[in-house]
């Protein structure tokens, strides 16, 4: 089997604003194969040794020795394509290496309800553990790369030592926190409060990943933001314009510049736009 050295960093889109883990040059054995029983075979899956700590967001440290010889599939998912669908049987978890995804559920009237977003470093698919089938659909918001981690293999690794057990517990806890934050957003008494929650959530996520907390590009549409916040697209646009007129933020299409984090926090905390200084 030929071994070809390629820089994993070359897979990153130069337009992607989401935080990207360091990507040293690694040696990848190319192994073209499909995944049995999968209705949507991934394009040219690759197996890659995950011994490099920078390539495995959220997984235990290399020193544990648990990943020696382990290989997972690196999959490219194009914008608008699903990593998995609501109702799919749980077969794998997905660690986001590059890019971003939205989580959504199908409502009885046929509409998609956005319930959250994932970025680089997040682990997707935990929603399928409880019932053995995914409760959400994960859709790429941009061309993205994910590690496909077979769930049976993850279970076997968890049985080998406490570090994997702790990693799985952390991932489950992060899902609980994500759901709690969405409840906080929906608990906002008005659109201004909800949108302020959302922008501050994006700001915190960027800062935690080493990016600017005050200037970033949103990969989700305003309609998707509205679905996440439980308001109409027009209401999102009108509120963004109001924030901009007050000098709290700058908006150019999907590019956001936060001029005053304090003012945005004041809106989030219920003080309202009228309480802001001129």
C-alpha atoms as a PDB file:
ATOM      1  CA  UNK A   1       0.000   0.000   0.000  1.00  0.00           C
ATOM      2  CA  UNK A   2       1.660   3.289  -1.091  1.00  0.00           C
ATOM      3  CA  UNK A   3       2.309   5.923   1.567  1.00  0.00           C
ATOM      4  CA  UNK A   4       2.105   9.542   0.490  1.00  0.00           C
ATOM      5  CA  UNK A   5       3.070  12.468   2.699  1.00  0.00           C
ATOM      6  CA  UNK A   6       0.604  15.367   2.486  1.00  0.00           C
ATOM      7  CA  UNK A   7       0.100  18.400   4.757  1.00  0.00           C
ATOM      8  CA  UNK A   8      -3.258  18.018   6.457  1.00  0.00           C
ATOM      9  CA  UNK A   9      -3.378  21.804   6.691  1.00  0.00           C
ATOM     10  CA  UNK A  10      -3.838  21.914   2.931  1.00  0.00           C
ATOM     11  CA  UNK A  11      -7.396  20.600   3.420  1.00  0.00           C
ATOM     12  CA  UNK A  12      -8.403  23.834   5.157  1.00  0.00           C
ATOM     13  CA  UNK A  13     -10.422  26.365   3.216  1.00  0.00           C
ATOM     14  CA  UNK A  14      -8.659  29.778   3.347  1.00  0.00           C
ATOM     15  CA  UNK A  15     -12.090  31.358   3.843  1.00  0.00           C
ATOM     16  CA  UNK A  16     -12.951  29.320   6.913  1.00  0.00           C
ATOM     17  CA  UNK A  17     -13.123  31.544  10.030  1.00  0.00           C
ATOM     18  CA  UNK A  18     -13.580  28.693  12.471  1.00  0.00           C
ATOM     19  CA  UNK A  19     -10.624  27.786  14.679  1.00  0.00           C
ATOM     20  CA  UNK A  20      -8.353  25.233  13.056  1.00  0.00           C
ATOM     21  CA  UNK A  21      -6.101  22.867  15.068  1.00  0.00           C
ATOM     22  CA  UNK A  22      -2.411  22.885  14.204  1.00  0.00           C
ATOM     23  CA  UNK A  23      -1.830  20.629  11.223  1.00  0.00           C
ATOM     24  CA  UNK A  24       1.734  19.303  10.877  1.00  0.00           C
ATOM     25  CA  UNK A  25       2.674  17.226   7.878  1.00  0.00           C
ATOM     26  CA  UNK A  26       1.668  13.623   8.450  1.00  0.00           C
ATOM     27  CA  UNK A  27       1.932  10.408   6.482  1.00  0.00           C
ATOM     28  CA  UNK A  28      -1.414   9.080   5.311  1.00  0.00           C
ATOM     29  CA  UNK A  29      -1.961   5.615   3.855  1.00  0.00           C
ATOM     30  CA  UNK A  30      -4.566   6.075   1.150  1.00  0.00           C
ATOM     31  CA  UNK A  31      -7.084   3.250   1.302  1.00  0.00           C
ATOM     32  CA  UNK A  32     -10.099   3.685  -0.938  1.00  0.00           C
ATOM     33  CA  UNK A  33     -13.031   1.841   0.567  1.00  0.00           C
ATOM     34  CA  UNK A  34     -16.730   2.255   1.221  1.00  0.00           C
ATOM     35  CA  UNK A  35     -18.460   1.849   4.563  1.00  0.00           C
ATOM     36  CA  UNK A  36     -20.726  -1.184   4.728  1.00  0.00           C
ATOM     37  CA  UNK A  37     -24.418  -0.465   5.128  1.00  0.00           C
ATOM     38  CA  UNK A  38     -24.044   3.277   4.595  1.00  0.00           C
ATOM     39  CA  UNK A  39     -26.475   4.882   2.165  1.00  0.00           C
ATOM     40  CA  UNK A  40     -24.198   7.893   1.603  1.00  0.00           C
ATOM     41  CA  UNK A  41     -20.634   6.555   1.034  1.00  0.00           C
ATOM     42  CA  UNK A  42     -18.030   9.221   1.857  1.00  0.00           C
ATOM     43  CA  UNK A  43     -15.825  10.424  -1.000  1.00  0.00           C
ATOM     44  CA  UNK A  44     -12.399   8.800  -0.896  1.00  0.00           C
ATOM     45  CA  UNK A  45     -12.183   8.058   2.841  1.00  0.00           C
ATOM     46  CA  UNK A  46      -8.688   7.931   4.283  1.00  0.00           C
ATOM     47  CA  UNK A  47      -7.299   6.097   7.237  1.00  0.00           C
ATOM     48  CA  UNK A  48      -4.859   8.049   9.321  1.00  0.00           C
ATOM     49  CA  UNK A  49      -2.913   7.320  12.455  1.00  0.00           C
ATOM     50  CA  UNK A  50      -4.223   9.593  15.228  1.00  0.00           C
ATOM     51  CA  UNK A  51      -1.027   9.487  17.265  1.00  0.00           C
ATOM     52  CA  UNK A  52      -0.537  13.228  16.792  1.00  0.00           C
ATOM     53  CA  UNK A  53      -2.297  15.084  19.589  1.00  0.00           C
ATOM     54  CA  UNK A  54      -3.070  18.115  17.403  1.00  0.00           C
ATOM     55  CA  UNK A  55      -5.211  16.016  15.065  1.00  0.00           C
ATOM     56  CA  UNK A  56      -7.639  14.597  17.622  1.00  0.00           C
ATOM     57  CA  UNK A  57      -9.713  17.307  19.302  1.00  0.00           C
ATOM     58  CA  UNK A  58     -11.093  16.221  22.657  1.00  0.00           C
ATOM     59  CA  UNK A  59      -9.383  12.823  22.731  1.00  0.00           C
ATOM     60  CA  UNK A  60      -6.963  11.596  25.429  1.00  0.00           C
ATOM     61  CA  UNK A  61      -3.294  12.530  25.316  1.00  0.00           C
ATOM     62  CA  UNK A  62      -0.808  10.560  23.238  1.00  0.00           C
ATOM     63  CA  UNK A  63       1.116   9.536  26.369  1.00  0.00           C
ATOM     64  CA  UNK A  64      -1.713   7.211  27.355  1.00  0.00           C
ATOM     65  CA  UNK A  65      -0.649   4.824  24.598  1.00  0.00           C
ATOM     66  CA  UNK A  66      -4.274   3.993  23.856  1.00  0.00           C
ATOM     67  CA  UNK A  67      -4.064   5.265  20.292  1.00  0.00           C
ATOM     68  CA  UNK A  68      -0.959   3.333  19.252  1.00  0.00           C
ATOM     69  CA  UNK A  69      -1.773   1.807  15.876  1.00  0.00           C
ATOM     70  CA  UNK A  70      -5.354   3.131  15.899  1.00  0.00           C
ATOM     71  CA  UNK A  71      -6.676   4.450  12.597  1.00  0.00           C
ATOM     72  CA  UNK A  72      -9.904   6.318  11.935  1.00  0.00           C
ATOM     73  CA  UNK A  73     -11.415   7.560   8.691  1.00  0.00           C
ATOM     74  CA  UNK A  74     -10.928  11.200   7.731  1.00  0.00           C
ATOM     75  CA  UNK A  75     -13.981  12.337   5.750  1.00  0.00           C
ATOM     76  CA  UNK A  76     -14.563  15.508   3.739  1.00  0.00           C
ATOM     77  CA  UNK A  77     -18.205  16.656   3.920  1.00  0.00           C
ATOM     78  CA  UNK A  78     -19.275  19.279   1.407  1.00  0.00           C
ATOM     79  CA  UNK A  79     -21.394  22.294   2.327  1.00  0.00           C
ATOM     80  CA  UNK A  80     -25.060  21.362   2.667  1.00  0.00           C
ATOM     81  CA  UNK A  81     -24.346  17.635   3.013  1.00  0.00           C
ATOM     82  CA  UNK A  82     -25.184  15.681   6.206  1.00  0.00           C
ATOM     83  CA  UNK A  83     -22.684  13.851   8.382  1.00  0.00           C
ATOM     84  CA  UNK A  84     -25.708  11.838   9.555  1.00  0.00           C
ATOM     85  CA  UNK A  85     -29.484  12.093   9.439  1.00  0.00           C
ATOM     86  CA  UNK A  86     -32.111  12.105  12.166  1.00  0.00           C
ATOM     87  CA  UNK A  87     -33.187   8.478  12.628  1.00  0.00           C
ATOM     88  CA  UNK A  88     -29.937   6.946  11.325  1.00  0.00           C
ATOM     89  CA  UNK A  89     -28.665   4.071  13.445  1.00  0.00           C
ATOM     90  CA  UNK A  90     -25.728   5.068  15.633  1.00  0.00           C
ATOM     91  CA  UNK A  91     -22.579   3.673  14.053  1.00  0.00           C
ATOM     92  CA  UNK A  92     -19.992   6.401  14.566  1.00  0.00           C
ATOM     93  CA  UNK A  93     -19.159   9.613  16.361  1.00  0.00           C
ATOM     94  CA  UNK A  94     -17.663  12.516  14.427  1.00  0.00           C
ATOM     95  CA  UNK A  95     -14.845  14.764  15.672  1.00  0.00           C
ATOM     96  CA  UNK A  96     -14.844  18.052  13.749  1.00  0.00           C
ATOM     97  CA  UNK A  97     -11.336  18.800  12.526  1.00  0.00           C
ATOM     98  CA  UNK A  98     -12.183  21.755  10.283  1.00  0.00           C
ATOM     99  CA  UNK A  99     -15.356  23.587   9.393  1.00  0.00           C
ATOM    100  CA  UNK A 100     -18.753  23.852  11.069  1.00  0.00           C
ATOM    101  CA  UNK A 101     -22.130  22.121  11.239  1.00  0.00           C
ATOM    102  CA  UNK A 102     -25.685  22.850  12.296  1.00  0.00           C
ATOM    103  CA  UNK A 103     -27.860  20.479  14.317  1.00  0.00           C
ATOM    104  CA  UNK A 104     -31.527  20.304  13.338  1.00  0.00           C
ATOM    105  CA  UNK A 105     -34.677  18.281  13.904  1.00  0.00           C
ATOM    106  CA  UNK A 106     -37.596  17.773  11.525  1.00  0.00           C
ATOM    107  CA  UNK A 107     -40.874  19.179  12.841  1.00  0.00           C
ATOM    108  CA  UNK A 108     -44.278  17.663  12.104  1.00  0.00           C
ATOM    109  CA  UNK A 109     -45.123  20.449   9.674  1.00  0.00           C
ATOM    110  CA  UNK A 110     -42.033  19.621   7.608  1.00  0.00           C
ATOM    111  CA  UNK A 111     -39.856  22.503   8.797  1.00  0.00           C
ATOM    112  CA  UNK A 112     -36.310  22.067  10.094  1.00  0.00           C
ATOM    113  CA  UNK A 113     -35.711  23.431  13.597  1.00  0.00           C
ATOM    114  CA  UNK A 114     -32.086  24.377  14.241  1.00  0.00           C
ATOM    115  CA  UNK A 115     -31.029  23.323  17.735  1.00  0.00           C
ATOM    116  CA  UNK A 116     -27.328  24.133  17.780  1.00  0.00           C
ATOM    117  CA  UNK A 117     -24.016  24.473  16.009  1.00  0.00           C
ATOM    118  CA  UNK A 118     -20.711  22.593  16.092  1.00  0.00           C
ATOM    119  CA  UNK A 119     -17.245  23.949  15.339  1.00  0.00           C
ATOM    120  CA  UNK A 120     -13.721  22.590  15.062  1.00  0.00           C
ATOM    121  CA  UNK A 121     -12.883  20.595  18.176  1.00  0.00           C
ATOM    122  CA  UNK A 122     -16.474  19.511  18.875  1.00  0.00           C
ATOM    123  CA  UNK A 123     -17.644  15.899  18.947  1.00  0.00           C
ATOM    124  CA  UNK A 124     -20.875  15.176  17.048  1.00  0.00           C
ATOM    125  CA  UNK A 125     -23.170  12.183  17.274  1.00  0.00           C
ATOM    126  CA  UNK A 126     -23.615  11.926  21.033  1.00  0.00           C
ATOM    127  CA  UNK A 127     -27.365  12.410  20.477  1.00  0.00           C
ATOM    128  CA  UNK A 128     -27.552   8.843  19.178  1.00  0.00           C
ATOM    129  CA  UNK A 129     -26.212   7.113  22.270  1.00  0.00           C
ATOM    130  CA  UNK A 130     -29.397   7.096  24.370  1.00  0.00           C
ATOM    131  CA  UNK A 131     -31.690   5.370  21.885  1.00  0.00           C
ATOM    132  CA  UNK A 132     -29.259   3.826  19.429  1.00  0.00           C
ATOM    133  CA  UNK A 133     -30.409   6.194  16.660  1.00  0.00           C
ATOM    134  CA  UNK A 134     -29.550   9.827  15.993  1.00  0.00           C
ATOM    135  CA  UNK A 135     -32.063  12.346  17.293  1.00  0.00           C
ATOM    136  CA  UNK A 136     -30.628  15.138  15.121  1.00  0.00           C
ATOM    137  CA  UNK A 137     -29.380  15.797  11.623  1.00  0.00           C
ATOM    138  CA  UNK A 138     -25.846  17.231  11.373  1.00  0.00           C
ATOM    139  CA  UNK A 139     -25.390  19.341   8.213  1.00  0.00           C
ATOM    140  CA  UNK A 140     -22.175  21.018   7.055  1.00  0.00           C
ATOM    141  CA  UNK A 141     -22.342  24.824   6.934  1.00  0.00           C
ATOM    142  CA  UNK A 142     -19.157  24.867   4.850  1.00  0.00           C
ATOM    143  CA  UNK A 143     -16.801  22.289   3.366  1.00  0.00           C
ATOM    144  CA  UNK A 144     -15.679  20.455   6.498  1.00  0.00           C
ATOM    145  CA  UNK A 145     -13.390  17.621   7.606  1.00  0.00           C
ATOM    146  CA  UNK A 146     -14.332  15.163  10.339  1.00  0.00           C
ATOM    147  CA  UNK A 147     -12.831  12.083  11.923  1.00  0.00           C
ATOM    148  CA  UNK A 148     -15.260   9.171  11.732  1.00  0.00           C
ATOM    149  CA  UNK A 149     -14.905   7.296  15.026  1.00  0.00           C
ATOM    150  CA  UNK A 150     -16.700   3.910  15.053  1.00  0.00           C
ATOM    151  CA  UNK A 151     -18.756   3.799  18.244  1.00  0.00           C
ATOM    152  CA  UNK A 152     -17.936   0.169  18.981  1.00  0.00           C
ATOM    153  CA  UNK A 153     -14.252   1.053  18.807  1.00  0.00           C
ATOM    154  CA  UNK A 154     -14.778   4.004  21.128  1.00  0.00           C
ATOM    155  CA  UNK A 155     -16.522   1.728  23.621  1.00  0.00           C
ATOM    156  CA  UNK A 156     -13.654  -0.747  23.461  1.00  0.00           C
ATOM    157  CA  UNK A 157     -11.118   2.016  24.050  1.00  0.00           C
ATOM    158  CA  UNK A 158     -13.148   3.344  26.968  1.00  0.00           C
ATOM    159  CA  UNK A 159     -12.841  -0.063  28.603  1.00  0.00           C
ATOM    160  CA  UNK A 160      -9.049   0.070  28.365  1.00  0.00           C
ATOM    161  CA  UNK A 161      -8.439   2.893  30.786  1.00  0.00           C
ATOM    162  CA  UNK A 162      -9.821   5.874  32.706  1.00  0.00           C
ATOM    163  CA  UNK A 163      -8.575   8.499  30.264  1.00  0.00           C
ATOM    164  CA  UNK A 164     -10.978   7.377  27.538  1.00  0.00           C
ATOM    165  CA  UNK A 165     -13.810   7.096  30.062  1.00  0.00           C
ATOM    166  CA  UNK A 166     -13.102  10.641  31.229  1.00  0.00           C
ATOM    167  CA  UNK A 167     -12.987  11.890  27.625  1.00  0.00           C
ATOM    168  CA  UNK A 168     -16.390  10.342  26.882  1.00  0.00           C
ATOM    169  CA  UNK A 169     -17.851  11.792  30.073  1.00  0.00           C
ATOM    170  CA  UNK A 170     -16.549  15.244  29.128  1.00  0.00           C
ATOM    171  CA  UNK A 171     -18.083  14.949  25.674  1.00  0.00           C
ATOM    172  CA  UNK A 172     -21.460  13.961  27.150  1.00  0.00           C
ATOM    173  CA  UNK A 173     -21.233  16.826  29.642  1.00  0.00           C
ATOM    174  CA  UNK A 174     -20.541  19.259  26.789  1.00  0.00           C
ATOM    175  CA  UNK A 175     -23.754  18.095  25.103  1.00  0.00           C
ATOM    176  CA  UNK A 176     -25.671  18.837  28.303  1.00  0.00           C
ATOM    177  CA  UNK A 177     -24.084  22.305  28.466  1.00  0.00           C
ATOM    178  CA  UNK A 178     -24.940  22.927  24.798  1.00  0.00           C
ATOM    179  CA  UNK A 179     -28.599  22.072  25.424  1.00  0.00           C
ATOM    180  CA  UNK A 180     -28.626  24.231  28.556  1.00  0.00           C
ATOM    181  CA  UNK A 181     -27.266  27.206  26.626  1.00  0.00           C
ATOM    182  CA  UNK A 182     -29.946  26.783  23.990  1.00  0.00           C
ATOM    183  CA  UNK A 183     -32.577  26.815  26.729  1.00  0.00           C
ATOM    184  CA  UNK A 184     -31.014  30.016  28.049  1.00  0.00           C
ATOM    185  CA  UNK A 185     -31.259  31.570  24.597  1.00  0.00           C
ATOM    186  CA  UNK A 186     -34.903  30.571  24.154  1.00  0.00           C
ATOM    187  CA  UNK A 187     -35.616  31.801  27.671  1.00  0.00           C
ATOM    188  CA  UNK A 188     -34.798  35.346  26.624  1.00  0.00           C
ATOM    189  CA  UNK A 189     -37.828  37.570  27.034  1.00  0.00           C
ATOM    190  CA  UNK A 190     -37.376  39.341  23.700  1.00  0.00           C
ATOM    191  CA  UNK A 191     -35.488  39.113  20.422  1.00  0.00           C
ATOM    192  CA  UNK A 192     -32.798  41.597  21.520  1.00  0.00           C
ATOM    193  CA  UNK A 193     -31.930  39.412  24.524  1.00  0.00           C
ATOM    194  CA  UNK A 194     -31.860  36.224  22.444  1.00  0.00           C
ATOM    195  CA  UNK A 195     -29.688  37.688  19.720  1.00  0.00           C
ATOM    196  CA  UNK A 196     -27.293  39.155  22.285  1.00  0.00           C
ATOM    197  CA  UNK A 197     -27.004  35.685  23.876  1.00  0.00           C
ATOM    198  CA  UNK A 198     -26.221  34.208  20.469  1.00  0.00           C
ATOM    199  CA  UNK A 199     -23.567  36.770  19.515  1.00  0.00           C
ATOM    200  CA  UNK A 200     -21.871  36.461  22.894  1.00  0.00           C
ATOM    201  CA  UNK A 201     -21.955  32.682  22.572  1.00  0.00           C
ATOM    202  CA  UNK A 202     -20.190  32.961  19.203  1.00  0.00           C
ATOM    203  CA  UNK A 203     -17.726  35.441  20.670  1.00  0.00           C
ATOM    204  CA  UNK A 204     -16.860  33.105  23.559  1.00  0.00           C
ATOM    205  CA  UNK A 205     -16.468  30.150  21.192  1.00  0.00           C
ATOM    206  CA  UNK A 206     -14.071  32.087  18.974  1.00  0.00           C
ATOM    207  CA  UNK A 207     -12.014  33.334  21.893  1.00  0.00           C
ATOM    208  CA  UNK A 208     -11.785  29.845  23.410  1.00  0.00           C
ATOM    209  CA  UNK A 209     -10.282  28.616  20.139  1.00  0.00           C
ATOM    210  CA  UNK A 210      -7.707  31.392  19.859  1.00  0.00           C
ATOM    211  CA  UNK A 211      -9.589  33.666  17.466  1.00  0.00           C
ATOM    212  CA  UNK A 212     -10.814  37.222  17.842  1.00  0.00           C
ATOM    213  CA  UNK A 213     -13.714  37.606  20.255  1.00  0.00           C
ATOM    214  CA  UNK A 214     -14.910  40.767  18.540  1.00  0.00           C
ATOM    215  CA  UNK A 215     -14.630  40.091  14.805  1.00  0.00           C
ATOM    216  CA  UNK A 216     -15.781  36.947  13.038  1.00  0.00           C
ATOM    217  CA  UNK A 217     -17.736  35.577  10.085  1.00  0.00           C
ATOM    218  CA  UNK A 218     -20.980  33.700  10.648  1.00  0.00           C
ATOM    219  CA  UNK A 219     -21.310  30.544   8.550  1.00  0.00           C
ATOM    220  CA  UNK A 220     -25.012  30.151   9.321  1.00  0.00           C
ATOM    221  CA  UNK A 221     -27.666  32.150   7.475  1.00  0.00           C
ATOM    222  CA  UNK A 222     -29.999  34.617   9.177  1.00  0.00           C
ATOM    223  CA  UNK A 223     -32.831  32.152   8.612  1.00  0.00           C
ATOM    224  CA  UNK A 224     -30.836  29.505  10.508  1.00  0.00           C
ATOM    225  CA  UNK A 225     -30.066  31.981  13.287  1.00  0.00           C
ATOM    226  CA  UNK A 226     -33.769  32.806  13.491  1.00  0.00           C
ATOM    227  CA  UNK A 227     -34.671  29.123  13.690  1.00  0.00           C
ATOM    228  CA  UNK A 228     -32.148  28.643  16.498  1.00  0.00           C
ATOM    229  CA  UNK A 229     -33.494  31.676  18.379  1.00  0.00           C
ATOM    230  CA  UNK A 230     -37.151  30.917  17.725  1.00  0.00           C
ATOM    231  CA  UNK A 231     -37.820  34.124  15.770  1.00  0.00           C
ATOM    232  CA  UNK A 232     -38.428  35.050  12.122  1.00  0.00           C
ATOM    233  CA  UNK A 233     -35.650  35.878   9.668  1.00  0.00           C
ATOM    234  CA  UNK A 234     -36.964  39.421   9.296  1.00  0.00           C
ATOM    235  CA  UNK A 235     -36.804  39.892  13.058  1.00  0.00           C
ATOM    236  CA  UNK A 236     -33.149  38.818  13.114  1.00  0.00           C
ATOM    237  CA  UNK A 237     -32.311  41.290  10.336  1.00  0.00           C
ATOM    238  CA  UNK A 238     -34.225  44.108  12.027  1.00  0.00           C
ATOM    239  CA  UNK A 239     -32.528  43.480  15.390  1.00  0.00           C
ATOM    240  CA  UNK A 240     -29.045  43.292  13.863  1.00  0.00           C
ATOM    241  CA  UNK A 241     -29.749  46.648  12.202  1.00  0.00           C
ATOM    242  CA  UNK A 242     -30.884  48.100  15.540  1.00  0.00           C
ATOM    243  CA  UNK A 243     -27.675  46.892  17.229  1.00  0.00           C
ATOM    244  CA  UNK A 244     -25.669  48.452  14.407  1.00  0.00           C
ATOM    245  CA  UNK A 245     -27.481  51.796  14.590  1.00  0.00           C
ATOM    246  CA  UNK A 246     -26.710  51.938  18.319  1.00  0.00           C
ATOM    247  CA  UNK A 247     -23.033  51.289  17.635  1.00  0.00           C
ATOM    248  CA  UNK A 248     -22.987  47.975  19.507  1.00  0.00           C
ATOM    249  CA  UNK A 249     -21.922  45.960  16.461  1.00  0.00           C
ATOM    250  CA  UNK A 250     -20.979  46.378  12.834  1.00  0.00           C
ATOM    251  CA  UNK A 251     -22.595  44.128  10.238  1.00  0.00           C
ATOM    252  CA  UNK A 252     -21.542  43.457   6.659  1.00  0.00           C
ATOM    253  CA  UNK A 253     -23.504  40.518   5.283  1.00  0.00           C
ATOM    254  CA  UNK A 254     -22.336  37.655   7.560  1.00  0.00           C
ATOM    255  CA  UNK A 255     -19.296  39.457   8.941  1.00  0.00           C
ATOM    256  CA  UNK A 256     -19.763  40.689  12.514  1.00  0.00           C
ATOM    257  CA  UNK A 257     -17.668  43.239  14.395  1.00  0.00           C
ATOM    258  CA  UNK A 258     -18.554  43.738  18.060  1.00  0.00           C
ATOM    259  CA  UNK A 259     -17.784  47.319  19.082  1.00  0.00           C
ATOM    260  CA  UNK A 260     -18.943  46.968  22.692  1.00  0.00           C
ATOM    261  CA  UNK A 261     -19.040  43.627  24.502  1.00  0.00           C
ATOM    262  CA  UNK A 262     -20.275  45.431  27.619  1.00  0.00           C
ATOM    263  CA  UNK A 263     -23.277  46.868  25.773  1.00  0.00           C
ATOM    264  CA  UNK A 264     -24.064  43.461  24.309  1.00  0.00           C
ATOM    265  CA  UNK A 265     -23.874  41.897  27.779  1.00  0.00           C
ATOM    266  CA  UNK A 266     -26.206  44.589  29.101  1.00  0.00           C
ATOM    267  CA  UNK A 267     -28.792  43.642  26.481  1.00  0.00           C
ATOM    268  CA  UNK A 268     -28.328  39.955  27.273  1.00  0.00           C
ATOM    269  CA  UNK A 269     -28.824  40.630  30.976  1.00  0.00           C
ATOM    270  CA  UNK A 270     -32.198  42.209  30.332  1.00  0.00           C
ATOM    271  CA  UNK A 271     -31.356  45.899  30.575  1.00  0.00           C
ATOM    272  CA  UNK A 272     -32.733  46.434  27.086  1.00  0.00           C
ATOM    273  CA  UNK A 273     -31.784  48.795  24.288  1.00  0.00           C
ATOM    274  CA  UNK A 274     -33.392  51.810  25.969  1.00  0.00           C
ATOM    275  CA  UNK A 275     -30.994  51.503  28.915  1.00  0.00           C
ATOM    276  CA  UNK A 276     -27.908  51.849  26.706  1.00  0.00           C
ATOM    277  CA  UNK A 277     -26.079  55.182  26.647  1.00  0.00           C
ATOM    278  CA  UNK A 278     -26.304  57.279  23.480  1.00  0.00           C
END
